[in-house]
């Protein structure tokens, strides 16, 4: 009985210390919630590319859950001493710099 009571006390103490709040570091200014703004359509016309869910693939299949789309940059971009001309955009919003127009084989399903 004492062992069970002690275990329950340890679990309660551990839950009391644990917090559900995540700390987000921002380099320049604290994040701000922006609201009460009207909805605006994505820009369209010359020079604008909008990708749909069918554009995100993991070779050779469309994968709207974990897929990538490769985009050519309009300028050479130097990062960490290497010049890149392409990026792979993940459907979740992450990007990866690429040397060429192909996503590395380790990332395709």
PDB file of N, CA and C in Angstrom:
ATOM      1  N   UNK A   1       0.819  -1.191   0.000  1.00  0.00           N
ATOM      2  CA  UNK A   1       0.000   0.000   0.000  1.00  0.00           C
ATOM      3  C   UNK A   1       0.863   1.255   0.000  1.00  0.00           C
ATOM      4  N   UNK A   2       1.914   1.250   0.855  1.00  0.00           N
ATOM      5  CA  UNK A   2       2.783   2.421   0.911  1.00  0.00           C
ATOM      6  C   UNK A   2       3.506   2.620  -0.414  1.00  0.00           C
ATOM      7  N   UNK A   3       3.883   1.503  -1.086  1.00  0.00           N
ATOM      8  CA  UNK A   3       4.573   1.590  -2.377  1.00  0.00           C
ATOM      9  C   UNK A   3       3.693   2.216  -3.440  1.00  0.00           C
ATOM     10  N   UNK A   4       2.420   1.833  -3.475  1.00  0.00           N
ATOM     11  CA  UNK A   4       1.491   2.394  -4.457  1.00  0.00           C
ATOM     12  C   UNK A   4       1.247   3.874  -4.194  1.00  0.00           C
ATOM     13  N   UNK A   5       1.125   4.251  -2.919  1.00  0.00           N
ATOM     14  CA  UNK A   5       0.919   5.644  -2.560  1.00  0.00           C
ATOM     15  C   UNK A   5       2.138   6.477  -2.935  1.00  0.00           C
ATOM     16  N   UNK A   6       3.337   5.935  -2.708  1.00  0.00           N
ATOM     17  CA  UNK A   6       4.568   6.639  -3.071  1.00  0.00           C
ATOM     18  C   UNK A   6       4.652   6.817  -4.579  1.00  0.00           C
ATOM     19  N   UNK A   7       4.326   5.766  -5.352  1.00  0.00           N
ATOM     20  CA  UNK A   7       4.360   5.838  -6.806  1.00  0.00           C
ATOM     21  C   UNK A   7       3.366   6.871  -7.314  1.00  0.00           C
ATOM     22  N   UNK A   8       2.172   6.916  -6.742  1.00  0.00           N
ATOM     23  CA  UNK A   8       1.175   7.899  -7.145  1.00  0.00           C
ATOM     24  C   UNK A   8       1.664   9.314  -6.845  1.00  0.00           C
ATOM     25  N   UNK A   9       2.344   9.502  -5.715  1.00  0.00           N
ATOM     26  CA  UNK A   9       2.888  10.817  -5.373  1.00  0.00           C
ATOM     27  C   UNK A   9       3.967  11.244  -6.352  1.00  0.00           C
ATOM     28  N   UNK A  10       4.818  10.321  -6.779  1.00  0.00           N
ATOM     29  CA  UNK A  10       5.873  10.632  -7.746  1.00  0.00           C
ATOM     30  C   UNK A  10       5.263  11.024  -9.086  1.00  0.00           C
ATOM     31  N   UNK A  11       4.230  10.308  -9.528  1.00  0.00           N
ATOM     32  CA  UNK A  11       3.580  10.614 -10.801  1.00  0.00           C
ATOM     33  C   UNK A  11       2.931  11.989 -10.749  1.00  0.00           C
ATOM     34  N   UNK A  12       2.236  12.307  -9.665  1.00  0.00           N
ATOM     35  CA  UNK A  12       1.605  13.625  -9.520  1.00  0.00           C
ATOM     36  C   UNK A  12       2.656  14.727  -9.512  1.00  0.00           C
ATOM     37  N   UNK A  13       3.767  14.512  -8.817  1.00  0.00           N
ATOM     38  CA  UNK A  13       4.831  15.508  -8.772  1.00  0.00           C
ATOM     39  C   UNK A  13       5.440  15.705 -10.158  1.00  0.00           C
ATOM     40  N   UNK A  14       5.627  14.624 -10.903  1.00  0.00           N
ATOM     41  CA  UNK A  14       6.192  14.728 -12.249  1.00  0.00           C
ATOM     42  C   UNK A  14       5.250  15.480 -13.171  1.00  0.00           C
ATOM     43  N   UNK A  15       3.946  15.230 -13.061  1.00  0.00           N
ATOM     44  CA  UNK A  15       2.982  15.939 -13.896  1.00  0.00           C
ATOM     45  C   UNK A  15       2.899  17.413 -13.528  1.00  0.00           C
ATOM     46  N   UNK A  16       3.095  17.740 -12.263  1.00  0.00           N
ATOM     47  CA  UNK A  16       3.038  19.135 -11.837  1.00  0.00           C
ATOM     48  C   UNK A  16       4.215  19.926 -12.387  1.00  0.00           C
ATOM     49  N   UNK A  17       5.368  19.274 -12.553  1.00  0.00           N
ATOM     50  CA  UNK A  17       6.559  19.964 -13.056  1.00  0.00           C
ATOM     51  C   UNK A  17       6.492  20.150 -14.558  1.00  0.00           C
ATOM     52  N   UNK A  18       5.878  19.205 -15.271  1.00  0.00           N
ATOM     53  CA  UNK A  18       5.815  19.250 -16.723  1.00  0.00           C
ATOM     54  C   UNK A  18       4.864  20.350 -17.167  1.00  0.00           C
ATOM     55  N   UNK A  19       5.287  21.117 -18.162  1.00  0.00           N
ATOM     56  CA  UNK A  19       4.455  22.192 -18.685  1.00  0.00           C
ATOM     57  C   UNK A  19       4.156  21.934 -20.150  1.00  0.00           C
ATOM     58  N   UNK A  20       2.993  22.339 -20.607  1.00  0.00           N
ATOM     59  CA  UNK A  20       2.602  22.140 -21.992  1.00  0.00           C
ATOM     60  C   UNK A  20       2.949  23.351 -22.856  1.00  0.00           C
ATOM     61  N   UNK A  21       3.706  24.289 -22.341  1.00  0.00           N
ATOM     62  CA  UNK A  21       4.046  25.494 -23.074  1.00  0.00           C
ATOM     63  C   UNK A  21       5.403  25.306 -23.749  1.00  0.00           C
ATOM     64  N   UNK A  22       5.470  25.598 -25.032  1.00  0.00           N
ATOM     65  CA  UNK A  22       6.724  25.482 -25.772  1.00  0.00           C
ATOM     66  C   UNK A  22       7.388  26.846 -25.837  1.00  0.00           C
ATOM     67  N   UNK A  23       8.696  26.842 -25.786  1.00  0.00           N
ATOM     68  CA  UNK A  23       9.437  28.092 -25.893  1.00  0.00           C
ATOM     69  C   UNK A  23       9.917  28.243 -27.323  1.00  0.00           C
ATOM     70  N   UNK A  24       9.620  29.377 -27.922  1.00  0.00           N
ATOM     71  CA  UNK A  24      10.007  29.650 -29.296  1.00  0.00           C
ATOM     72  C   UNK A  24      10.991  30.813 -29.270  1.00  0.00           C
ATOM     73  N   UNK A  25      12.161  30.592 -29.834  1.00  0.00           N
ATOM     74  CA  UNK A  25      13.162  31.649 -29.896  1.00  0.00           C
ATOM     75  C   UNK A  25      13.020  32.411 -31.201  1.00  0.00           C
ATOM     76  N   UNK A  26      12.967  33.709 -31.115  1.00  0.00           N
ATOM     77  CA  UNK A  26      12.881  34.564 -32.279  1.00  0.00           C
ATOM     78  C   UNK A  26      14.083  35.496 -32.239  1.00  0.00           C
ATOM     79  N   UNK A  27      14.766  35.613 -33.368  1.00  0.00           N
ATOM     80  CA  UNK A  27      16.030  36.332 -33.377  1.00  0.00           C
ATOM     81  C   UNK A  27      15.869  37.842 -33.219  1.00  0.00           C
ATOM     82  N   UNK A  28      14.868  38.432 -33.871  1.00  0.00           N
ATOM     83  CA  UNK A  28      14.815  39.885 -33.908  1.00  0.00           C
ATOM     84  C   UNK A  28      13.729  40.496 -33.029  1.00  0.00           C
ATOM     85  N   UNK A  29      12.552  39.952 -33.031  1.00  0.00           N
ATOM     86  CA  UNK A  29      11.476  40.523 -32.224  1.00  0.00           C
ATOM     87  C   UNK A  29      10.513  39.416 -31.825  1.00  0.00           C
ATOM     88  N   UNK A  30       9.758  39.601 -30.752  1.00  0.00           N
ATOM     89  CA  UNK A  30       8.833  38.554 -30.332  1.00  0.00           C
ATOM     90  C   UNK A  30       7.753  38.327 -31.387  1.00  0.00           C
ATOM     91  N   UNK A  31       7.256  37.096 -31.483  1.00  0.00           N
ATOM     92  CA  UNK A  31       6.199  36.843 -32.467  1.00  0.00           C
ATOM     93  C   UNK A  31       4.934  37.594 -32.105  1.00  0.00           C
ATOM     94  N   UNK A  32       4.199  38.026 -33.116  1.00  0.00           N
ATOM     95  CA  UNK A  32       2.965  38.760 -32.908  1.00  0.00           C
ATOM     96  C   UNK A  32       1.829  38.059 -33.631  1.00  0.00           C
ATOM     97  N   UNK A  33       0.693  38.003 -32.998  1.00  0.00           N
ATOM     98  CA  UNK A  33      -0.492  37.472 -33.656  1.00  0.00           C
ATOM     99  C   UNK A  33      -1.097  38.583 -34.490  1.00  0.00           C
ATOM    100  N   UNK A  34      -1.290  38.288 -35.756  1.00  0.00           N
ATOM    101  CA  UNK A  34      -1.893  39.273 -36.655  1.00  0.00           C
ATOM    102  C   UNK A  34      -3.317  38.829 -36.937  1.00  0.00           C
ATOM    103  N   UNK A  35      -4.241  39.702 -36.764  1.00  0.00           N
ATOM    104  CA  UNK A  35      -5.631  39.341 -36.989  1.00  0.00           C
ATOM    105  C   UNK A  35      -6.431  40.516 -37.493  1.00  0.00           C
ATOM    106  N   UNK A  36      -7.702  40.268 -37.700  1.00  0.00           N
ATOM    107  CA  UNK A  36      -8.634  41.294 -38.160  1.00  0.00           C
ATOM    108  C   UNK A  36      -8.180  41.941 -39.459  1.00  0.00           C
ATOM    109  N   UNK A  37      -7.688  41.114 -40.361  1.00  0.00           N
ATOM    110  CA  UNK A  37      -7.273  41.607 -41.670  1.00  0.00           C
ATOM    111  C   UNK A  37      -8.107  40.906 -42.730  1.00  0.00           C
ATOM    112  N   UNK A  38      -8.408  41.600 -43.805  1.00  0.00           N
ATOM    113  CA  UNK A  38      -9.231  40.968 -44.837  1.00  0.00           C
ATOM    114  C   UNK A  38      -8.451  39.877 -45.577  1.00  0.00           C
ATOM    115  N   UNK A  39      -9.180  38.877 -46.053  1.00  0.00           N
ATOM    116  CA  UNK A  39      -8.580  37.810 -46.843  1.00  0.00           C
ATOM    117  C   UNK A  39      -8.124  38.379 -48.180  1.00  0.00           C
ATOM    118  N   UNK A  40      -6.933  38.005 -48.590  1.00  0.00           N
ATOM    119  CA  UNK A  40      -6.447  38.434 -49.900  1.00  0.00           C
ATOM    120  C   UNK A  40      -6.035  37.208 -50.699  1.00  0.00           C
ATOM    121  N   UNK A  41      -6.324  37.214 -51.967  1.00  0.00           N
ATOM    122  CA  UNK A  41      -5.958  36.122 -52.845  1.00  0.00           C
ATOM    123  C   UNK A  41      -4.451  36.111 -53.063  1.00  0.00           C
ATOM    124  N   UNK A  42      -3.930  34.936 -53.384  1.00  0.00           N
ATOM    125  CA  UNK A  42      -2.524  34.854 -53.759  1.00  0.00           C
ATOM    126  C   UNK A  42      -2.305  35.695 -55.006  1.00  0.00           C
ATOM    127  N   UNK A  43      -1.136  36.330 -55.125  1.00  0.00           N
ATOM    128  CA  UNK A  43      -0.882  37.106 -56.341  1.00  0.00           C
ATOM    129  C   UNK A  43      -0.853  36.186 -57.559  1.00  0.00           C
ATOM    130  N   UNK A  44      -1.265  36.694 -58.663  1.00  0.00           N
ATOM    131  CA  UNK A  44      -1.244  35.909 -59.892  1.00  0.00           C
ATOM    132  C   UNK A  44      -0.674  36.762 -61.001  1.00  0.00           C
ATOM    133  N   UNK A  45      -0.382  36.128 -62.115  1.00  0.00           N
ATOM    134  CA  UNK A  45       0.162  36.848 -63.249  1.00  0.00           C
ATOM    135  C   UNK A  45       1.588  36.430 -63.531  1.00  0.00           C
ATOM    136  N   UNK A  46       2.237  37.205 -64.343  1.00  0.00           N
ATOM    137  CA  UNK A  46       3.602  36.889 -64.768  1.00  0.00           C
ATOM    138  C   UNK A  46       4.540  36.859 -63.571  1.00  0.00           C
ATOM    139  N   UNK A  47       5.383  35.837 -63.502  1.00  0.00           N
ATOM    140  CA  UNK A  47       6.380  35.737 -62.445  1.00  0.00           C
ATOM    141  C   UNK A  47       5.873  35.086 -61.169  1.00  0.00           C
ATOM    142  N   UNK A  48       4.625  34.637 -61.142  1.00  0.00           N
ATOM    143  CA  UNK A  48       4.068  34.011 -59.954  1.00  0.00           C
ATOM    144  C   UNK A  48       3.815  32.532 -60.224  1.00  0.00           C
ATOM    145  N   UNK A  49       4.279  31.677 -59.325  1.00  0.00           N
ATOM    146  CA  UNK A  49       4.040  30.239 -59.441  1.00  0.00           C
ATOM    147  C   UNK A  49       3.290  29.779 -58.199  1.00  0.00           C
ATOM    148  N   UNK A  50       2.154  29.143 -58.406  1.00  0.00           N
ATOM    149  CA  UNK A  50       1.374  28.587 -57.310  1.00  0.00           C
ATOM    150  C   UNK A  50       1.349  27.068 -57.504  1.00  0.00           C
ATOM    151  N   UNK A  51       1.809  26.328 -56.489  1.00  0.00           N
ATOM    152  CA  UNK A  51       1.837  24.876 -56.562  1.00  0.00           C
ATOM    153  C   UNK A  51       0.581  24.302 -55.927  1.00  0.00           C
ATOM    154  N   UNK A  52       0.013  23.296 -56.566  1.00  0.00           N
ATOM    155  CA  UNK A  52      -1.154  22.614 -56.021  1.00  0.00           C
ATOM    156  C   UNK A  52      -0.710  21.321 -55.347  1.00  0.00           C
ATOM    157  N   UNK A  53      -1.625  20.631 -54.682  1.00  0.00           N
ATOM    158  CA  UNK A  53      -1.289  19.393 -53.980  1.00  0.00           C
ATOM    159  C   UNK A  53      -0.738  18.339 -54.924  1.00  0.00           C
ATOM    160  N   UNK A  54      -1.142  18.338 -56.187  1.00  0.00           N
ATOM    161  CA  UNK A  54      -0.661  17.354 -57.144  1.00  0.00           C
ATOM    162  C   UNK A  54       0.775  17.596 -57.590  1.00  0.00           C
ATOM    163  N   UNK A  55       1.337  18.741 -57.268  1.00  0.00           N
ATOM    164  CA  UNK A  55       2.727  19.042 -57.640  1.00  0.00           C
ATOM    165  C   UNK A  55       3.728  18.443 -56.655  1.00  0.00           C
ATOM    166  N   UNK A  56       3.293  18.093 -55.466  1.00  0.00           N
ATOM    167  CA  UNK A  56       4.193  17.569 -54.442  1.00  0.00           C
ATOM    168  C   UNK A  56       4.300  16.056 -54.593  1.00  0.00           C
ATOM    169  N   UNK A  57       5.511  15.583 -54.861  1.00  0.00           N
ATOM    170  CA  UNK A  57       5.704  14.168 -55.151  1.00  0.00           C
ATOM    171  C   UNK A  57       6.823  13.576 -54.310  1.00  0.00           C
ATOM    172  N   UNK A  58       6.779  12.290 -54.143  1.00  0.00           N
ATOM    173  CA  UNK A  58       7.922  11.482 -53.748  1.00  0.00           C
ATOM    174  C   UNK A  58       8.020  10.467 -54.878  1.00  0.00           C
ATOM    175  N   UNK A  59       9.042  10.583 -55.656  1.00  0.00           N
ATOM    176  CA  UNK A  59       9.151   9.868 -56.931  1.00  0.00           C
ATOM    177  C   UNK A  59       8.696   8.439 -56.829  1.00  0.00           C
ATOM    178  N   UNK A  60       7.897   7.963 -57.720  1.00  0.00           N
ATOM    179  CA  UNK A  60       7.231   8.666 -58.828  1.00  0.00           C
ATOM    180  C   UNK A  60       5.794   9.053 -58.500  1.00  0.00           C
ATOM    181  N   UNK A  61       5.392   8.991 -57.235  1.00  0.00           N
ATOM    182  CA  UNK A  61       3.986   9.174 -56.867  1.00  0.00           C
ATOM    183  C   UNK A  61       3.706  10.557 -56.299  1.00  0.00           C
ATOM    184  N   UNK A  62       2.483  11.026 -56.536  1.00  0.00           N
ATOM    185  CA  UNK A  62       2.020  12.251 -55.879  1.00  0.00           C
ATOM    186  C   UNK A  62       1.868  11.943 -54.403  1.00  0.00           C
ATOM    187  N   UNK A  63       2.382  12.830 -53.548  1.00  0.00           N
ATOM    188  CA  UNK A  63       2.324  12.598 -52.102  1.00  0.00           C
ATOM    189  C   UNK A  63       1.988  13.908 -51.396  1.00  0.00           C
ATOM    190  N   UNK A  64       0.697  14.233 -51.244  1.00  0.00           N
ATOM    191  CA  UNK A  64       0.328  15.497 -50.612  1.00  0.00           C
ATOM    192  C   UNK A  64       0.585  15.537 -49.113  1.00  0.00           C
ATOM    193  N   UNK A  65       1.106  14.437 -48.540  1.00  0.00           N
ATOM    194  CA  UNK A  65       1.403  14.403 -47.109  1.00  0.00           C
ATOM    195  C   UNK A  65       2.870  14.681 -46.825  1.00  0.00           C
ATOM    196  N   UNK A  66       3.788  14.096 -47.594  1.00  0.00           N
ATOM    197  CA  UNK A  66       5.224  14.259 -47.350  1.00  0.00           C
ATOM    198  C   UNK A  66       6.004  14.638 -48.603  1.00  0.00           C
ATOM    199  N   UNK A  67       5.344  15.055 -49.656  1.00  0.00           N
ATOM    200  CA  UNK A  67       6.002  15.289 -50.931  1.00  0.00           C
ATOM    201  C   UNK A  67       6.816  16.567 -51.003  1.00  0.00           C
ATOM    202  N   UNK A  68       7.620  16.642 -52.061  1.00  0.00           N
ATOM    203  CA  UNK A  68       8.440  17.802 -52.371  1.00  0.00           C
ATOM    204  C   UNK A  68       8.110  18.303 -53.760  1.00  0.00           C
ATOM    205  N   UNK A  69       8.332  19.572 -53.987  1.00  0.00           N
ATOM    206  CA  UNK A  69       8.324  20.132 -55.329  1.00  0.00           C
ATOM    207  C   UNK A  69       9.635  20.891 -55.468  1.00  0.00           C
ATOM    208  N   UNK A  70      10.299  20.741 -56.605  1.00  0.00           N
ATOM    209  CA  UNK A  70      11.588  21.394 -56.834  1.00  0.00           C
ATOM    210  C   UNK A  70      11.339  22.671 -57.632  1.00  0.00           C
ATOM    211  N   UNK A  71      11.920  23.759 -57.173  1.00  0.00           N
ATOM    212  CA  UNK A  71      11.774  25.046 -57.839  1.00  0.00           C
ATOM    213  C   UNK A  71      13.154  25.621 -58.131  1.00  0.00           C
ATOM    214  N   UNK A  72      13.283  26.195 -59.308  1.00  0.00           N
ATOM    215  CA  UNK A  72      14.540  26.860 -59.651  1.00  0.00           C
ATOM    216  C   UNK A  72      14.492  28.283 -59.121  1.00  0.00           C
ATOM    217  N   UNK A  73      15.565  28.669 -58.455  1.00  0.00           N
ATOM    218  CA  UNK A  73      15.639  30.033 -57.927  1.00  0.00           C
ATOM    219  C   UNK A  73      15.919  31.013 -59.066  1.00  0.00           C
ATOM    220  N   UNK A  74      15.382  32.216 -58.986  1.00  0.00           N
ATOM    221  CA  UNK A  74      15.620  33.187 -60.052  1.00  0.00           C
ATOM    222  C   UNK A  74      17.013  33.836 -59.970  1.00  0.00           C
ATOM    223  N   UNK A  75      17.802  33.431 -58.994  1.00  0.00           N
ATOM    224  CA  UNK A  75      19.138  33.977 -58.797  1.00  0.00           C
ATOM    225  C   UNK A  75      19.964  32.936 -58.060  1.00  0.00           C
ATOM    226  N   UNK A  76      21.287  32.936 -58.218  1.00  0.00           N
ATOM    227  CA  UNK A  76      22.116  32.021 -57.426  1.00  0.00           C
ATOM    228  C   UNK A  76      22.110  32.463 -55.964  1.00  0.00           C
ATOM    229  N   UNK A  77      21.936  31.515 -55.065  1.00  0.00           N
ATOM    230  CA  UNK A  77      21.862  31.813 -53.635  1.00  0.00           C
ATOM    231  C   UNK A  77      23.013  31.124 -52.932  1.00  0.00           C
ATOM    232  N   UNK A  78      23.843  31.907 -52.245  1.00  0.00           N
ATOM    233  CA  UNK A  78      24.971  31.343 -51.514  1.00  0.00           C
ATOM    234  C   UNK A  78      24.571  31.101 -50.071  1.00  0.00           C
ATOM    235  N   UNK A  79      24.782  29.875 -49.610  1.00  0.00           N
ATOM    236  CA  UNK A  79      24.495  29.517 -48.230  1.00  0.00           C
ATOM    237  C   UNK A  79      25.644  28.682 -47.703  1.00  0.00           C
ATOM    238  N   UNK A  80      26.260  29.155 -46.650  1.00  0.00           N
ATOM    239  CA  UNK A  80      27.348  28.437 -45.998  1.00  0.00           C
ATOM    240  C   UNK A  80      28.491  28.135 -46.971  1.00  0.00           C
ATOM    241  N   UNK A  81      28.757  29.080 -47.870  1.00  0.00           N
ATOM    242  CA  UNK A  81      29.868  28.944 -48.806  1.00  0.00           C
ATOM    243  C   UNK A  81      29.561  28.155 -50.057  1.00  0.00           C
ATOM    244  N   UNK A  82      28.350  27.651 -50.216  1.00  0.00           N
ATOM    245  CA  UNK A  82      27.960  26.894 -51.398  1.00  0.00           C
ATOM    246  C   UNK A  82      26.881  27.660 -52.139  1.00  0.00           C
ATOM    247  N   UNK A  83      26.980  27.682 -53.463  1.00  0.00           N
ATOM    248  CA  UNK A  83      25.993  28.380 -54.280  1.00  0.00           C
ATOM    249  C   UNK A  83      24.951  27.380 -54.757  1.00  0.00           C
ATOM    250  N   UNK A  84      23.682  27.719 -54.531  1.00  0.00           N
ATOM    251  CA  UNK A  84      22.565  26.858 -54.908  1.00  0.00           C
ATOM    252  C   UNK A  84      21.691  27.567 -55.931  1.00  0.00           C
ATOM    253  N   UNK A  85      21.122  26.783 -56.845  1.00  0.00           N
ATOM    254  CA  UNK A  85      20.215  27.323 -57.852  1.00  0.00           C
ATOM    255  C   UNK A  85      18.807  26.744 -57.747  1.00  0.00           C
ATOM    256  N   UNK A  86      18.624  25.734 -56.895  1.00  0.00           N
ATOM    257  CA  UNK A  86      17.326  25.081 -56.737  1.00  0.00           C
ATOM    258  C   UNK A  86      17.008  24.912 -55.262  1.00  0.00           C
ATOM    259  N   UNK A  87      15.706  24.849 -54.975  1.00  0.00           N
ATOM    260  CA  UNK A  87      15.260  24.472 -53.640  1.00  0.00           C
ATOM    261  C   UNK A  87      14.181  23.404 -53.787  1.00  0.00           C
ATOM    262  N   UNK A  88      14.118  22.519 -52.809  1.00  0.00           N
ATOM    263  CA  UNK A  88      13.023  21.555 -52.720  1.00  0.00           C
ATOM    264  C   UNK A  88      12.106  22.045 -51.612  1.00  0.00           C
ATOM    265  N   UNK A  89      10.851  22.244 -51.950  1.00  0.00           N
ATOM    266  CA  UNK A  89       9.866  22.745 -50.990  1.00  0.00           C
ATOM    267  C   UNK A  89       9.024  21.562 -50.529  1.00  0.00           C
ATOM    268  N   UNK A  90       9.027  21.312 -49.236  1.00  0.00           N
ATOM    269  CA  UNK A  90       8.215  20.236 -48.671  1.00  0.00           C
ATOM    270  C   UNK A  90       6.797  20.739 -48.508  1.00  0.00           C
ATOM    271  N   UNK A  91       5.831  19.845 -48.614  1.00  0.00           N
ATOM    272  CA  UNK A  91       4.430  20.225 -48.485  1.00  0.00           C
ATOM    273  C   UNK A  91       4.153  20.847 -47.116  1.00  0.00           C
ATOM    274  N   UNK A  92       4.991  20.540 -46.107  1.00  0.00           N
ATOM    275  CA  UNK A  92       4.822  21.098 -44.771  1.00  0.00           C
ATOM    276  C   UNK A  92       5.471  22.472 -44.614  1.00  0.00           C
ATOM    277  N   UNK A  93       6.106  22.984 -45.684  1.00  0.00           N
ATOM    278  CA  UNK A  93       6.672  24.328 -45.645  1.00  0.00           C
ATOM    279  C   UNK A  93       8.169  24.394 -45.455  1.00  0.00           C
ATOM    280  N   UNK A  94       8.832  23.265 -45.229  1.00  0.00           N
ATOM    281  CA  UNK A  94      10.279  23.270 -45.087  1.00  0.00           C
ATOM    282  C   UNK A  94      10.923  23.353 -46.458  1.00  0.00           C
ATOM    283  N   UNK A  95      12.100  23.964 -46.530  1.00  0.00           N
ATOM    284  CA  UNK A  95      12.821  23.992 -47.792  1.00  0.00           C
ATOM    285  C   UNK A  95      14.200  23.372 -47.606  1.00  0.00           C
ATOM    286  N   UNK A  96      14.758  22.919 -48.723  1.00  0.00           N
ATOM    287  CA  UNK A  96      16.086  22.328 -48.721  1.00  0.00           C
ATOM    288  C   UNK A  96      16.803  22.851 -49.961  1.00  0.00           C
ATOM    289  N   UNK A  97      18.020  23.332 -49.789  1.00  0.00           N
ATOM    290  CA  UNK A  97      18.803  23.802 -50.916  1.00  0.00           C
ATOM    291  C   UNK A  97      19.335  22.620 -51.707  1.00  0.00           C
ATOM    292  N   UNK A  98      19.325  22.726 -53.039  1.00  0.00           N
ATOM    293  CA  UNK A  98      19.779  21.647 -53.908  1.00  0.00           C
ATOM    294  C   UNK A  98      20.826  22.156 -54.890  1.00  0.00           C
ATOM    295  N   UNK A  99      21.769  21.266 -55.238  1.00  0.00           N
ATOM    296  CA  UNK A  99      22.761  21.594 -56.257  1.00  0.00           C
ATOM    297  C   UNK A  99      22.170  21.493 -57.658  1.00  0.00           C
ATOM    298  N   UNK A 100      21.242  20.572 -57.842  1.00  0.00           N
ATOM    299  CA  UNK A 100      20.621  20.351 -59.148  1.00  0.00           C
ATOM    300  C   UNK A 100      19.128  20.178 -58.990  1.00  0.00           C
ATOM    301  N   UNK A 101      18.436  19.884 -60.097  1.00  0.00           N
ATOM    302  CA  UNK A 101      16.972  19.843 -60.053  1.00  0.00           C
ATOM    303  C   UNK A 101      16.375  18.566 -59.479  1.00  0.00           C
ATOM    304  N   UNK A 102      17.191  17.669 -58.892  1.00  0.00           N
ATOM    305  CA  UNK A 102      16.676  16.414 -58.361  1.00  0.00           C
ATOM    306  C   UNK A 102      16.772  16.368 -56.843  1.00  0.00           C
ATOM    307  N   UNK A 103      15.699  15.874 -56.199  1.00  0.00           N
ATOM    308  CA  UNK A 103      15.704  15.695 -54.749  1.00  0.00           C
ATOM    309  C   UNK A 103      16.574  14.478 -54.438  1.00  0.00           C
ATOM    310  N   UNK A 104      17.439  14.539 -53.410  1.00  0.00           N
ATOM    311  CA  UNK A 104      18.282  13.375 -53.059  1.00  0.00           C
ATOM    312  C   UNK A 104      17.446  12.123 -52.829  1.00  0.00           C
ATOM    313  N   UNK A 105      17.989  10.978 -53.226  1.00  0.00           N
ATOM    314  CA  UNK A 105      17.243   9.725 -53.159  1.00  0.00           C
ATOM    315  C   UNK A 105      16.811   9.346 -51.749  1.00  0.00           C
ATOM    316  N   UNK A 106      17.529   9.772 -50.720  1.00  0.00           N
ATOM    317  CA  UNK A 106      17.155   9.435 -49.369  1.00  0.00           C
ATOM    318  C   UNK A 106      15.866  10.080 -48.918  1.00  0.00           C
ATOM    319  N   UNK A 107      15.398  11.092 -49.658  1.00  0.00           N
ATOM    320  CA  UNK A 107      14.184  11.799 -49.253  1.00  0.00           C
ATOM    321  C   UNK A 107      12.978  11.389 -50.057  1.00  0.00           C
ATOM    322  N   UNK A 108      13.152  10.539 -51.031  1.00  0.00           N
ATOM    323  CA  UNK A 108      12.007  10.131 -51.830  1.00  0.00           C
ATOM    324  C   UNK A 108      11.601   8.734 -51.447  1.00  0.00           C
ATOM    325  N   UNK A 109      10.299   8.499 -51.494  1.00  0.00           N
ATOM    326  CA  UNK A 109       9.779   7.281 -50.958  1.00  0.00           C
ATOM    327  C   UNK A 109       9.727   6.135 -51.869  1.00  0.00           C
TER     328      UNK A 109
END
